[in-house]
Amino acid sequence: MTGTWVITGFEPIFRVAEVARSVAWFERAGFEVSVHDDIYAFARRDRDLTVHLAQAVGDELPGHGVLYIHCRDADRVAEEWRQAGIEVDGPRDQEYGKREGSITDPDGNVIRFGGPVR
């Protein structure tokens, strides 16, 4: 370990055009969502994943965020999201030994996911 401080966690922030629309999409994707106010919400999944949903203000552009989730079974994740009516790209086996897919929220933020090739 280097330095004098230790990272104890991380939480990505996705810029969105409309928090209410993003809340509905993340709930459909199986996240538990809590709304802080009209322009900020939290989408939680499992024990350690929280995605902040922050409404773009001023000259900020929504979208362009990317999150990678490691999972045990990419096909199971993809099937759950397809059952919820979410368009899933993949999963496909990659030459580096992972089976990966992705979903994209209404603002263009991407959640990639991958697990071992089965």
PDB file of N, CA and C in Angstrom:
ATOM      1  N   MET A   1       0.852  -1.175   0.000  1.00  0.00           N
ATOM      2  CA  MET A   1       0.000   0.000   0.000  1.00  0.00           C
ATOM      3  C   MET A   1       0.895   1.234   0.000  1.00  0.00           C
ATOM      4  N   THR A   2       0.469   2.215  -0.765  1.00  0.00           N
ATOM      5  CA  THR A   2       1.232   3.454  -0.810  1.00  0.00           C
ATOM      6  C   THR A   2       0.397   4.594  -0.267  1.00  0.00           C
ATOM      7  N   GLY A   3       1.052   5.636   0.129  1.00  0.00           N
ATOM      8  CA  GLY A   3       0.330   6.813   0.607  1.00  0.00           C
ATOM      9  C   GLY A   3      -0.089   6.686   2.056  1.00  0.00           C
ATOM     10  N   THR A   4      -0.846   7.685   2.502  1.00  0.00           N
ATOM     11  CA  THR A   4      -1.254   7.720   3.905  1.00  0.00           C
ATOM     12  C   THR A   4      -2.761   7.575   4.086  1.00  0.00           C
ATOM     13  N   TRP A   5      -3.475   7.316   3.006  1.00  0.00           N
ATOM     14  CA  TRP A   5      -4.925   7.143   3.135  1.00  0.00           C
ATOM     15  C   TRP A   5      -5.343   5.875   2.394  1.00  0.00           C
ATOM     16  N   VAL A   6      -6.506   5.335   2.743  1.00  0.00           N
ATOM     17  CA  VAL A   6      -6.988   4.077   2.195  1.00  0.00           C
ATOM     18  C   VAL A   6      -8.392   4.290   1.626  1.00  0.00           C
ATOM     19  N   ILE A   7      -8.623   3.805   0.432  1.00  0.00           N
ATOM     20  CA  ILE A   7      -9.961   3.867  -0.166  1.00  0.00           C
ATOM     21  C   ILE A   7     -10.837   2.831   0.515  1.00  0.00           C
ATOM     22  N   THR A   8     -11.987   3.250   1.004  1.00  0.00           N
ATOM     23  CA  THR A   8     -12.896   2.328   1.689  1.00  0.00           C
ATOM     24  C   THR A   8     -14.165   2.065   0.893  1.00  0.00           C
ATOM     25  N   GLY A   9     -14.303   2.695  -0.250  1.00  0.00           N
ATOM     26  CA  GLY A   9     -15.470   2.470  -1.091  1.00  0.00           C
ATOM     27  C   GLY A   9     -15.489   3.446  -2.243  1.00  0.00           C
ATOM     28  N   PHE A  10     -16.455   3.260  -3.138  1.00  0.00           N
ATOM     29  CA  PHE A  10     -16.615   4.173  -4.267  1.00  0.00           C
ATOM     30  C   PHE A  10     -18.068   4.111  -4.719  1.00  0.00           C
ATOM     31  N   GLU A  11     -18.547   5.205  -5.271  1.00  0.00           N
ATOM     32  CA  GLU A  11     -19.914   5.285  -5.758  1.00  0.00           C
ATOM     33  C   GLU A  11     -19.925   6.145  -7.014  1.00  0.00           C
ATOM     34  N   PRO A  12     -20.200   5.537  -8.174  1.00  0.00           N
ATOM     35  CA  PRO A  12     -20.234   6.322  -9.404  1.00  0.00           C
ATOM     36  C   PRO A  12     -21.414   7.284  -9.428  1.00  0.00           C
ATOM     37  N   ILE A  13     -21.251   8.367 -10.164  1.00  0.00           N
ATOM     38  CA  ILE A  13     -22.314   9.361 -10.357  1.00  0.00           C
ATOM     39  C   ILE A  13     -22.650   9.404 -11.835  1.00  0.00           C
ATOM     40  N   PHE A  14     -23.919   9.115 -12.163  1.00  0.00           N
ATOM     41  CA  PHE A  14     -24.398   9.205 -13.539  1.00  0.00           C
ATOM     42  C   PHE A  14     -25.162  10.509 -13.694  1.00  0.00           C
ATOM     43  N   ARG A  15     -24.782  11.330 -14.672  1.00  0.00           N
ATOM     44  CA  ARG A  15     -25.532  12.538 -15.007  1.00  0.00           C
ATOM     45  C   ARG A  15     -26.746  12.112 -15.830  1.00  0.00           C
ATOM     46  N   VAL A  16     -27.908  12.625 -15.471  1.00  0.00           N
ATOM     47  CA  VAL A  16     -29.149  12.247 -16.145  1.00  0.00           C
ATOM     48  C   VAL A  16     -29.936  13.498 -16.530  1.00  0.00           C
ATOM     49  N   ALA A  17     -30.799  13.361 -17.529  1.00  0.00           N
ATOM     50  CA  ALA A  17     -31.615  14.490 -17.977  1.00  0.00           C
ATOM     51  C   ALA A  17     -32.800  14.716 -17.051  1.00  0.00           C
ATOM     52  N   GLU A  18     -33.423  13.624 -16.580  1.00  0.00           N
ATOM     53  CA  GLU A  18     -34.583  13.713 -15.690  1.00  0.00           C
ATOM     54  C   GLU A  18     -34.470  12.648 -14.620  1.00  0.00           C
ATOM     55  N   VAL A  19     -34.336  13.050 -13.375  1.00  0.00           N
ATOM     56  CA  VAL A  19     -34.172  12.095 -12.286  1.00  0.00           C
ATOM     57  C   VAL A  19     -35.367  11.144 -12.198  1.00  0.00           C
ATOM     58  N   ALA A  20     -36.590  11.649 -12.341  1.00  0.00           N
ATOM     59  CA  ALA A  20     -37.774  10.785 -12.228  1.00  0.00           C
ATOM     60  C   ALA A  20     -37.746   9.677 -13.270  1.00  0.00           C
ATOM     61  N   ARG A  21     -37.361   9.990 -14.501  1.00  0.00           N
ATOM     62  CA  ARG A  21     -37.275   8.972 -15.551  1.00  0.00           C
ATOM     63  C   ARG A  21     -36.191   7.951 -15.223  1.00  0.00           C
ATOM     64  N   SER A  22     -35.050   8.419 -14.726  1.00  0.00           N
ATOM     65  CA  SER A  22     -33.967   7.517 -14.356  1.00  0.00           C
ATOM     66  C   SER A  22     -34.342   6.630 -13.181  1.00  0.00           C
ATOM     67  N   VAL A  23     -35.046   7.193 -12.213  1.00  0.00           N
ATOM     68  CA  VAL A  23     -35.511   6.401 -11.069  1.00  0.00           C
ATOM     69  C   VAL A  23     -36.362   5.239 -11.557  1.00  0.00           C
ATOM     70  N   ALA A  24     -37.304   5.504 -12.438  1.00  0.00           N
ATOM     71  CA  ALA A  24     -38.178   4.444 -12.961  1.00  0.00           C
ATOM     72  C   ALA A  24     -37.377   3.377 -13.694  1.00  0.00           C
ATOM     73  N   TRP A  25     -36.387   3.784 -14.491  1.00  0.00           N
ATOM     74  CA  TRP A  25     -35.582   2.839 -15.248  1.00  0.00           C
ATOM     75  C   TRP A  25     -34.742   1.965 -14.311  1.00  0.00           C
ATOM     76  N   PHE A  26     -34.094   2.577 -13.324  1.00  0.00           N
ATOM     77  CA  PHE A  26     -33.263   1.810 -12.399  1.00  0.00           C
ATOM     78  C   PHE A  26     -34.114   0.882 -11.524  1.00  0.00           C
ATOM     79  N   GLU A  27     -35.307   1.292 -11.149  1.00  0.00           N
ATOM     80  CA  GLU A  27     -36.201   0.395 -10.414  1.00  0.00           C
ATOM     81  C   GLU A  27     -36.557  -0.808 -11.275  1.00  0.00           C
ATOM     82  N   ARG A  28     -36.845  -0.592 -12.542  1.00  0.00           N
ATOM     83  CA  ARG A  28     -37.144  -1.695 -13.457  1.00  0.00           C
ATOM     84  C   ARG A  28     -35.951  -2.639 -13.586  1.00  0.00           C
ATOM     85  N   ALA A  29     -34.743  -2.098 -13.480  1.00  0.00           N
ATOM     86  CA  ALA A  29     -33.519  -2.901 -13.561  1.00  0.00           C
ATOM     87  C   ALA A  29     -33.202  -3.619 -12.255  1.00  0.00           C
ATOM     88  N   GLY A  30     -34.077  -3.500 -11.264  1.00  0.00           N
ATOM     89  CA  GLY A  30     -33.895  -4.233 -10.014  1.00  0.00           C
ATOM     90  C   GLY A  30     -33.133  -3.502  -8.932  1.00  0.00           C
ATOM     91  N   PHE A  31     -32.920  -2.210  -9.105  1.00  0.00           N
ATOM     92  CA  PHE A  31     -32.250  -1.415  -8.083  1.00  0.00           C
ATOM     93  C   PHE A  31     -33.294  -0.885  -7.107  1.00  0.00           C
ATOM     94  N   GLU A  32     -32.908  -0.740  -5.857  1.00  0.00           N
ATOM     95  CA  GLU A  32     -33.741  -0.059  -4.868  1.00  0.00           C
ATOM     96  C   GLU A  32     -33.350   1.411  -4.922  1.00  0.00           C
ATOM     97  N   VAL A  33     -34.319   2.272  -5.146  1.00  0.00           N
ATOM     98  CA  VAL A  33     -34.007   3.685  -5.357  1.00  0.00           C
ATOM     99  C   VAL A  33     -34.586   4.535  -4.239  1.00  0.00           C
ATOM    100  N   SER A  34     -33.790   5.478  -3.764  1.00  0.00           N
ATOM    101  CA  SER A  34     -34.290   6.473  -2.823  1.00  0.00           C
ATOM    102  C   SER A  34     -34.015   7.846  -3.431  1.00  0.00           C
ATOM    103  N   VAL A  35     -35.008   8.701  -3.332  1.00  0.00           N
ATOM    104  CA  VAL A  35     -34.916  10.035  -3.923  1.00  0.00           C
ATOM    105  C   VAL A  35     -34.512  11.021  -2.840  1.00  0.00           C
ATOM    106  N   HIS A  36     -33.446  11.755  -3.110  1.00  0.00           N
ATOM    107  CA  HIS A  36     -33.000  12.784  -2.172  1.00  0.00           C
ATOM    108  C   HIS A  36     -33.835  14.049  -2.357  1.00  0.00           C
ATOM    109  N   ASP A  37     -33.958  14.477  -3.626  1.00  0.00           N
ATOM    110  CA  ASP A  37     -34.789  15.629  -3.979  1.00  0.00           C
ATOM    111  C   ASP A  37     -35.099  15.540  -5.461  1.00  0.00           C
ATOM    112  N   ASP A  38     -35.628  16.591  -6.046  1.00  0.00           N
ATOM    113  CA  ASP A  38     -36.033  16.550  -7.457  1.00  0.00           C
ATOM    114  C   ASP A  38     -34.871  16.338  -8.426  1.00  0.00           C
ATOM    115  N   ILE A  39     -33.651  16.600  -7.986  1.00  0.00           N
ATOM    116  CA  ILE A  39     -32.526  16.508  -8.916  1.00  0.00           C
ATOM    117  C   ILE A  39     -31.442  15.509  -8.479  1.00  0.00           C
ATOM    118  N   TYR A  40     -31.743  14.674  -7.478  1.00  0.00           N
ATOM    119  CA  TYR A  40     -30.725  13.727  -7.008  1.00  0.00           C
ATOM    120  C   TYR A  40     -31.388  12.506  -6.401  1.00  0.00           C
ATOM    121  N   ALA A  41     -30.851  11.327  -6.760  1.00  0.00           N
ATOM    122  CA  ALA A  41     -31.373  10.080  -6.202  1.00  0.00           C
ATOM    123  C   ALA A  41     -30.229   9.074  -6.090  1.00  0.00           C
ATOM    124  N   PHE A  42     -30.489   7.981  -5.391  1.00  0.00           N
ATOM    125  CA  PHE A  42     -29.519   6.915  -5.187  1.00  0.00           C
ATOM    126  C   PHE A  42     -30.143   5.604  -5.637  1.00  0.00           C
ATOM    127  N   ALA A  43     -29.447   4.860  -6.493  1.00  0.00           N
ATOM    128  CA  ALA A  43     -29.905   3.546  -6.944  1.00  0.00           C
ATOM    129  C   ALA A  43     -28.975   2.504  -6.334  1.00  0.00           C
ATOM    130  N   ARG A  44     -29.529   1.641  -5.483  1.00  0.00           N
ATOM    131  CA  ARG A  44     -28.722   0.650  -4.765  1.00  0.00           C
ATOM    132  C   ARG A  44     -29.046  -0.756  -5.253  1.00  0.00           C
ATOM    133  N   ARG A  45     -28.005  -1.580  -5.317  1.00  0.00           N
ATOM    134  CA  ARG A  45     -28.165  -2.966  -5.740  1.00  0.00           C
ATOM    135  C   ARG A  45     -27.235  -3.816  -4.896  1.00  0.00           C
ATOM    136  N   ASP A  46     -27.778  -4.885  -4.343  1.00  0.00           N
ATOM    137  CA  ASP A  46     -27.013  -5.780  -3.495  1.00  0.00           C
ATOM    138  C   ASP A  46     -26.385  -4.997  -2.337  1.00  0.00           C
ATOM    139  N   ARG A  47     -25.293  -5.481  -1.834  1.00  0.00           N
ATOM    140  CA  ARG A  47     -24.741  -4.890  -0.628  1.00  0.00           C
ATOM    141  C   ARG A  47     -23.866  -3.669  -0.868  1.00  0.00           C
ATOM    142  N   ASP A  48     -23.091  -3.686  -1.935  1.00  0.00           N
ATOM    143  CA  ASP A  48     -22.042  -2.676  -2.063  1.00  0.00           C
ATOM    144  C   ASP A  48     -22.130  -1.759  -3.278  1.00  0.00           C
ATOM    145  N   LEU A  49     -23.229  -1.787  -4.014  1.00  0.00           N
ATOM    146  CA  LEU A  49     -23.288  -0.947  -5.208  1.00  0.00           C
ATOM    147  C   LEU A  49     -24.329   0.146  -5.046  1.00  0.00           C
ATOM    148  N   THR A  50     -23.894   1.382  -5.113  1.00  0.00           N
ATOM    149  CA  THR A  50     -24.785   2.536  -5.139  1.00  0.00           C
ATOM    150  C   THR A  50     -24.368   3.419  -6.306  1.00  0.00           C
ATOM    151  N   VAL A  51     -25.340   3.741  -7.163  1.00  0.00           N
ATOM    152  CA  VAL A  51     -25.115   4.660  -8.271  1.00  0.00           C
ATOM    153  C   VAL A  51     -25.887   5.939  -7.952  1.00  0.00           C
ATOM    154  N   HIS A  52     -25.201   7.063  -7.935  1.00  0.00           N
ATOM    155  CA  HIS A  52     -25.857   8.350  -7.728  1.00  0.00           C
ATOM    156  C   HIS A  52     -26.456   8.792  -9.061  1.00  0.00           C
ATOM    157  N   LEU A  53     -27.671   9.285  -9.037  1.00  0.00           N
ATOM    158  CA  LEU A  53     -28.343   9.806 -10.222  1.00  0.00           C
ATOM    159  C   LEU A  53     -28.487  11.307 -10.035  1.00  0.00           C
ATOM    160  N   ALA A  54     -27.685  12.062 -10.745  1.00  0.00           N
ATOM    161  CA  ALA A  54     -27.630  13.515 -10.573  1.00  0.00           C
ATOM    162  C   ALA A  54     -28.121  14.195 -11.840  1.00  0.00           C
ATOM    163  N   GLN A  55     -29.138  15.018 -11.698  1.00  0.00           N
ATOM    164  CA  GLN A  55     -29.661  15.728 -12.860  1.00  0.00           C
ATOM    165  C   GLN A  55     -28.625  16.709 -13.386  1.00  0.00           C
ATOM    166  N   ALA A  56     -28.393  16.648 -14.700  1.00  0.00           N
ATOM    167  CA  ALA A  56     -27.465  17.580 -15.335  1.00  0.00           C
ATOM    168  C   ALA A  56     -28.035  18.989 -15.221  1.00  0.00           C
ATOM    169  N   VAL A  57     -27.196  19.926 -14.821  1.00  0.00           N
ATOM    170  CA  VAL A  57     -27.620  21.320 -14.689  1.00  0.00           C
ATOM    171  C   VAL A  57     -26.655  22.215 -15.467  1.00  0.00           C
ATOM    172  N   GLY A  58     -27.161  23.362 -15.859  1.00  0.00           N
ATOM    173  CA  GLY A  58     -26.318  24.306 -16.585  1.00  0.00           C
ATOM    174  C   GLY A  58     -25.832  23.713 -17.887  1.00  0.00           C
ATOM    175  N   ASP A  59     -24.524  23.775 -18.126  1.00  0.00           N
ATOM    176  CA  ASP A  59     -23.985  23.256 -19.373  1.00  0.00           C
ATOM    177  C   ASP A  59     -23.512  21.805 -19.259  1.00  0.00           C
ATOM    178  N   GLU A  60     -23.824  21.126 -18.154  1.00  0.00           N
ATOM    179  CA  GLU A  60     -23.488  19.704 -18.021  1.00  0.00           C
ATOM    180  C   GLU A  60     -24.334  18.885 -18.990  1.00  0.00           C
ATOM    181  N   LEU A  61     -23.743  17.860 -19.554  1.00  0.00           N
ATOM    182  CA  LEU A  61     -24.463  16.971 -20.449  1.00  0.00           C
ATOM    183  C   LEU A  61     -24.811  15.666 -19.740  1.00  0.00           C
ATOM    184  N   PRO A  62     -26.031  15.168 -19.919  1.00  0.00           N
ATOM    185  CA  PRO A  62     -26.354  13.864 -19.349  1.00  0.00           C
ATOM    186  C   PRO A  62     -25.630  12.763 -20.114  1.00  0.00           C
ATOM    187  N   GLY A  63     -25.486  11.636 -19.463  1.00  0.00           N
ATOM    188  CA  GLY A  63     -24.885  10.479 -20.112  1.00  0.00           C
ATOM    189  C   GLY A  63     -23.377  10.450 -19.997  1.00  0.00           C
ATOM    190  N   HIS A  64     -22.775   9.563 -20.750  1.00  0.00           N
ATOM    191  CA  HIS A  64     -21.324   9.391 -20.855  1.00  0.00           C
ATOM    192  C   HIS A  64     -20.696   8.671 -19.671  1.00  0.00           C
ATOM    193  N   GLY A  65     -21.492   8.229 -18.686  1.00  0.00           N
ATOM    194  CA  GLY A  65     -20.942   7.478 -17.566  1.00  0.00           C
ATOM    195  C   GLY A  65     -20.853   5.997 -17.913  1.00  0.00           C
ATOM    196  N   VAL A  66     -19.871   5.323 -17.332  1.00  0.00           N
ATOM    197  CA  VAL A  66     -19.715   3.886 -17.542  1.00  0.00           C
ATOM    198  C   VAL A  66     -19.366   3.243 -16.208  1.00  0.00           C
ATOM    199  N   LEU A  67     -20.029   2.133 -15.925  1.00  0.00           N
ATOM    200  CA  LEU A  67     -19.785   1.359 -14.712  1.00  0.00           C
ATOM    201  C   LEU A  67     -19.583  -0.083 -15.126  1.00  0.00           C
ATOM    202  N   TYR A  68     -18.593  -0.768 -14.555  1.00  0.00           N
ATOM    203  CA  TYR A  68     -18.376  -2.195 -14.818  1.00  0.00           C
ATOM    204  C   TYR A  68     -18.713  -2.962 -13.554  1.00  0.00           C
ATOM    205  N   ILE A  69     -19.561  -3.980 -13.696  1.00  0.00           N
ATOM    206  CA  ILE A  69     -19.949  -4.835 -12.573  1.00  0.00           C
ATOM    207  C   ILE A  69     -19.396  -6.239 -12.807  1.00  0.00           C
ATOM    208  N   HIS A  70     -18.627  -6.743 -11.853  1.00  0.00           N
ATOM    209  CA  HIS A  70     -18.178  -8.129 -11.887  1.00  0.00           C
ATOM    210  C   HIS A  70     -19.297  -8.992 -11.321  1.00  0.00           C
ATOM    211  N   CYS A  71     -19.605 -10.079 -11.988  1.00  0.00           N
ATOM    212  CA  CYS A  71     -20.672 -10.961 -11.518  1.00  0.00           C
ATOM    213  C   CYS A  71     -20.245 -12.423 -11.684  1.00  0.00           C
ATOM    214  N   ARG A  72     -21.008 -13.324 -11.099  1.00  0.00           N
ATOM    215  CA  ARG A  72     -20.700 -14.750 -11.206  1.00  0.00           C
ATOM    216  C   ARG A  72     -21.223 -15.355 -12.497  1.00  0.00           C
ATOM    217  N   ASP A  73     -22.365 -14.855 -12.985  1.00  0.00           N
ATOM    218  CA  ASP A  73     -23.022 -15.465 -14.141  1.00  0.00           C
ATOM    219  C   ASP A  73     -23.632 -14.365 -15.018  1.00  0.00           C
ATOM    220  N   ALA A  74     -22.920 -13.980 -16.054  1.00  0.00           N
ATOM    221  CA  ALA A  74     -23.368 -12.892 -16.928  1.00  0.00           C
ATOM    222  C   ALA A  74     -24.684 -13.238 -17.621  1.00  0.00           C
ATOM    223  N   ASP A  75     -24.886 -14.506 -17.950  1.00  0.00           N
ATOM    224  CA  ASP A  75     -26.135 -14.892 -18.606  1.00  0.00           C
ATOM    225  C   ASP A  75     -27.334 -14.715 -17.684  1.00  0.00           C
ATOM    226  N   ARG A  76     -27.149 -15.006 -16.425  1.00  0.00           N
ATOM    227  CA  ARG A  76     -28.237 -14.823 -15.450  1.00  0.00           C
ATOM    228  C   ARG A  76     -28.584 -13.342 -15.287  1.00  0.00           C
ATOM    229  N   VAL A  77     -27.560 -12.504 -15.217  1.00  0.00           N
ATOM    230  CA  VAL A  77     -27.780 -11.062 -15.112  1.00  0.00           C
ATOM    231  C   VAL A  77     -28.536 -10.569 -16.347  1.00  0.00           C
ATOM    232  N   ALA A  78     -28.080 -10.979 -17.527  1.00  0.00           N
ATOM    233  CA  ALA A  78     -28.719 -10.556 -18.771  1.00  0.00           C
ATOM    234  C   ALA A  78     -30.175 -11.006 -18.813  1.00  0.00           C
ATOM    235  N   GLU A  79     -30.442 -12.224 -18.408  1.00  0.00           N
ATOM    236  CA  GLU A  79     -31.816 -12.733 -18.439  1.00  0.00           C
ATOM    237  C   GLU A  79     -32.723 -11.959 -17.486  1.00  0.00           C
ATOM    238  N   GLU A  80     -32.222 -11.633 -16.300  1.00  0.00           N
ATOM    239  CA  GLU A  80     -33.027 -10.851 -15.351  1.00  0.00           C
ATOM    240  C   GLU A  80     -33.408  -9.512 -15.955  1.00  0.00           C
ATOM    241  N   TRP A  81     -32.442  -8.849 -16.572  1.00  0.00           N
ATOM    242  CA  TRP A  81     -32.724  -7.538 -17.158  1.00  0.00           C
ATOM    243  C   TRP A  81     -33.637  -7.652 -18.373  1.00  0.00           C
ATOM    244  N   ARG A  82     -33.464  -8.701 -19.176  1.00  0.00           N
ATOM    245  CA  ARG A  82     -34.377  -8.893 -20.317  1.00  0.00           C
ATOM    246  C   ARG A  82     -35.806  -9.136 -19.837  1.00  0.00           C
ATOM    247  N   GLN A  83     -35.947  -9.902 -18.768  1.00  0.00           N
ATOM    248  CA  GLN A  83     -37.279 -10.162 -18.198  1.00  0.00           C
ATOM    249  C   GLN A  83     -37.935  -8.871 -17.725  1.00  0.00           C
ATOM    250  N   ALA A  84     -37.127  -7.900 -17.325  1.00  0.00           N
ATOM    251  CA  ALA A  84     -37.636  -6.602 -16.875  1.00  0.00           C
ATOM    252  C   ALA A  84     -37.898  -5.655 -18.042  1.00  0.00           C
ATOM    253  N   GLY A  85     -37.668  -6.123 -19.272  1.00  0.00           N
ATOM    254  CA  GLY A  85     -37.918  -5.293 -20.439  1.00  0.00           C
ATOM    255  C   GLY A  85     -36.790  -4.357 -20.809  1.00  0.00           C
ATOM    256  N   ILE A  86     -35.598  -4.646 -20.315  1.00  0.00           N
ATOM    257  CA  ILE A  86     -34.436  -3.807 -20.601  1.00  0.00           C
ATOM    258  C   ILE A  86     -33.634  -4.447 -21.729  1.00  0.00           C
ATOM    259  N   GLU A  87     -33.257  -3.642 -22.713  1.00  0.00           N
ATOM    260  CA  GLU A  87     -32.466  -4.140 -23.831  1.00  0.00           C
ATOM    261  C   GLU A  87     -31.044  -4.430 -23.363  1.00  0.00           C
ATOM    262  N   VAL A  88     -30.581  -5.650 -23.629  1.00  0.00           N
ATOM    263  CA  VAL A  88     -29.254  -6.088 -23.205  1.00  0.00           C
ATOM    264  C   VAL A  88     -28.421  -6.407 -24.439  1.00  0.00           C
ATOM    265  N   ASP A  89     -27.206  -5.909 -24.463  1.00  0.00           N
ATOM    266  CA  ASP A  89     -26.250  -6.263 -25.505  1.00  0.00           C
ATOM    267  C   ASP A  89     -25.385  -7.397 -24.959  1.00  0.00           C
ATOM    268  N   GLY A  90     -25.437  -8.553 -25.600  1.00  0.00           N
ATOM    269  CA  GLY A  90     -24.665  -9.713 -25.144  1.00  0.00           C
ATOM    270  C   GLY A  90     -25.445 -10.544 -24.162  1.00  0.00           C
ATOM    271  N   PRO A  91     -24.758 -11.280 -23.345  1.00  0.00           N
ATOM    272  CA  PRO A  91     -23.304 -11.356 -23.174  1.00  0.00           C
ATOM    273  C   PRO A  91     -22.634 -12.226 -24.247  1.00  0.00           C
ATOM    274  N   ARG A  92     -21.335 -11.948 -24.412  1.00  0.00           N
ATOM    275  CA  ARG A  92     -20.509 -12.685 -25.352  1.00  0.00           C
ATOM    276  C   ARG A  92     -19.176 -13.046 -24.687  1.00  0.00           C
ATOM    277  N   ASP A  93     -18.618 -14.174 -25.112  1.00  0.00           N
ATOM    278  CA  ASP A  93     -17.308 -14.579 -24.628  1.00  0.00           C
ATOM    279  C   ASP A  93     -16.250 -13.668 -25.238  1.00  0.00           C
ATOM    280  N   GLN A  94     -15.335 -13.209 -24.399  1.00  0.00           N
ATOM    281  CA  GLN A  94     -14.240 -12.344 -24.843  1.00  0.00           C
ATOM    282  C   GLN A  94     -12.935 -13.138 -24.838  1.00  0.00           C
ATOM    283  N   GLU A  95     -11.997 -12.741 -25.657  1.00  0.00           N
ATOM    284  CA  GLU A  95     -10.731 -13.471 -25.772  1.00  0.00           C
ATOM    285  C   GLU A  95      -9.913 -13.432 -24.487  1.00  0.00           C
ATOM    286  N   TYR A  96     -10.218 -12.514 -23.591  1.00  0.00           N
ATOM    287  CA  TYR A  96      -9.467 -12.402 -22.342  1.00  0.00           C
ATOM    288  C   TYR A  96     -10.111 -13.187 -21.196  1.00  0.00           C
ATOM    289  N   GLY A  97     -11.038 -14.088 -21.538  1.00  0.00           N
ATOM    290  CA  GLY A  97     -11.554 -15.021 -20.540  1.00  0.00           C
ATOM    291  C   GLY A  97     -12.771 -14.562 -19.763  1.00  0.00           C
ATOM    292  N   LYS A  98     -13.439 -13.526 -20.209  1.00  0.00           N
ATOM    293  CA  LYS A  98     -14.659 -13.052 -19.537  1.00  0.00           C
ATOM    294  C   LYS A  98     -15.839 -13.204 -20.484  1.00  0.00           C
ATOM    295  N   ARG A  99     -17.013 -13.349 -19.915  1.00  0.00           N
ATOM    296  CA  ARG A  99     -18.266 -13.323 -20.663  1.00  0.00           C
ATOM    297  C   ARG A  99     -18.943 -12.021 -20.270  1.00  0.00           C
ATOM    298  N   GLU A 100     -19.128 -11.104 -21.249  1.00  0.00           N
ATOM    299  CA  GLU A 100     -19.547  -9.749 -20.919  1.00  0.00           C
ATOM    300  C   GLU A 100     -20.751  -9.289 -21.731  1.00  0.00           C
ATOM    301  N   GLY A 101     -21.517  -8.392 -21.119  1.00  0.00           N
ATOM    302  CA  GLY A 101     -22.643  -7.753 -21.768  1.00  0.00           C
ATOM    303  C   GLY A 101     -22.776  -6.341 -21.239  1.00  0.00           C
ATOM    304  N   SER A 102     -23.818  -5.642 -21.694  1.00  0.00           N
ATOM    305  CA  SER A 102     -24.029  -4.283 -21.210  1.00  0.00           C
ATOM    306  C   SER A 102     -25.484  -3.866 -21.390  1.00  0.00           C
ATOM    307  N   ILE A 103     -25.861  -2.872 -20.611  1.00  0.00           N
ATOM    308  CA  ILE A 103     -27.138  -2.191 -20.761  1.00  0.00           C
ATOM    309  C   ILE A 103     -26.845  -0.695 -20.768  1.00  0.00           C
ATOM    310  N   THR A 104     -27.776   0.065 -21.319  1.00  0.00           N
ATOM    311  CA  THR A 104     -27.603   1.517 -21.401  1.00  0.00           C
ATOM    312  C   THR A 104     -28.866   2.188 -20.894  1.00  0.00           C
ATOM    313  N   ASP A 105     -28.721   3.126 -19.966  1.00  0.00           N
ATOM    314  CA  ASP A 105     -29.888   3.826 -19.434  1.00  0.00           C
ATOM    315  C   ASP A 105     -30.404   4.840 -20.456  1.00  0.00           C
ATOM    316  N   PRO A 106     -31.554   5.449 -20.210  1.00  0.00           N
ATOM    317  CA  PRO A 106     -32.134   6.371 -21.195  1.00  0.00           C
ATOM    318  C   PRO A 106     -31.254   7.570 -21.547  1.00  0.00           C
ATOM    319  N   ASP A 107     -30.258   7.882 -20.722  1.00  0.00           N
ATOM    320  CA  ASP A 107     -29.383   9.022 -20.987  1.00  0.00           C
ATOM    321  C   ASP A 107     -28.062   8.633 -21.629  1.00  0.00           C
ATOM    322  N   GLY A 108     -27.849   7.359 -21.859  1.00  0.00           N
ATOM    323  CA  GLY A 108     -26.612   6.918 -22.479  1.00  0.00           C
ATOM    324  C   GLY A 108     -25.529   6.484 -21.510  1.00  0.00           C
ATOM    325  N   ASN A 109     -25.829   6.431 -20.204  1.00  0.00           N
ATOM    326  CA  ASN A 109     -24.885   5.875 -19.243  1.00  0.00           C
ATOM    327  C   ASN A 109     -24.900   4.355 -19.415  1.00  0.00           C
ATOM    328  N   VAL A 110     -23.739   3.732 -19.374  1.00  0.00           N
ATOM    329  CA  VAL A 110     -23.610   2.307 -19.667  1.00  0.00           C
ATOM    330  C   VAL A 110     -23.222   1.534 -18.413  1.00  0.00           C
ATOM    331  N   ILE A 111     -23.899   0.410 -18.208  1.00  0.00           N
ATOM    332  CA  ILE A 111     -23.502  -0.544 -17.176  1.00  0.00           C
ATOM    333  C   ILE A 111     -23.033  -1.787 -17.900  1.00  0.00           C
ATOM    334  N   ARG A 112     -21.741  -2.033 -17.831  1.00  0.00           N
ATOM    335  CA  ARG A 112     -21.162  -3.265 -18.390  1.00  0.00           C
ATOM    336  C   ARG A 112     -21.085  -4.279 -17.263  1.00  0.00           C
ATOM    337  N   PHE A 113     -21.218  -5.555 -17.625  1.00  0.00           N
ATOM    338  CA  PHE A 113     -21.138  -6.600 -16.622  1.00  0.00           C
ATOM    339  C   PHE A 113     -20.422  -7.803 -17.221  1.00  0.00           C
ATOM    340  N   GLY A 114     -19.715  -8.519 -16.364  1.00  0.00           N
ATOM    341  CA  GLY A 114     -18.979  -9.674 -16.863  1.00  0.00           C
ATOM    342  C   GLY A 114     -18.663 -10.662 -15.784  1.00  0.00           C
ATOM    343  N   GLY A 115     -18.567 -11.909 -16.199  1.00  0.00           N
ATOM    344  CA  GLY A 115     -18.224 -13.000 -15.304  1.00  0.00           C
ATOM    345  C   GLY A 115     -17.379 -14.002 -16.068  1.00  0.00           C
ATOM    346  N   PRO A 116     -17.079 -15.115 -15.420  1.00  0.00           N
ATOM    347  CA  PRO A 116     -16.257 -16.131 -16.086  1.00  0.00           C
ATOM    348  C   PRO A 116     -16.990 -16.743 -17.276  1.00  0.00           C
ATOM    349  N   VAL A 117     -16.192 -17.158 -18.281  1.00  0.00           N
ATOM    350  CA  VAL A 117     -16.754 -17.906 -19.404  1.00  0.00           C
ATOM    351  C   VAL A 117     -17.191 -19.256 -18.862  1.00  0.00           C
ATOM    352  N   ARG A 118     -18.394 -19.675 -19.220  1.00  0.00           N
ATOM    353  CA  ARG A 118     -18.926 -20.970 -18.738  1.00  0.00           C
ATOM    354  C   ARG A 118     -18.964 -21.970 -19.853  1.00  0.00           C
TER     355      ARG A 118
END
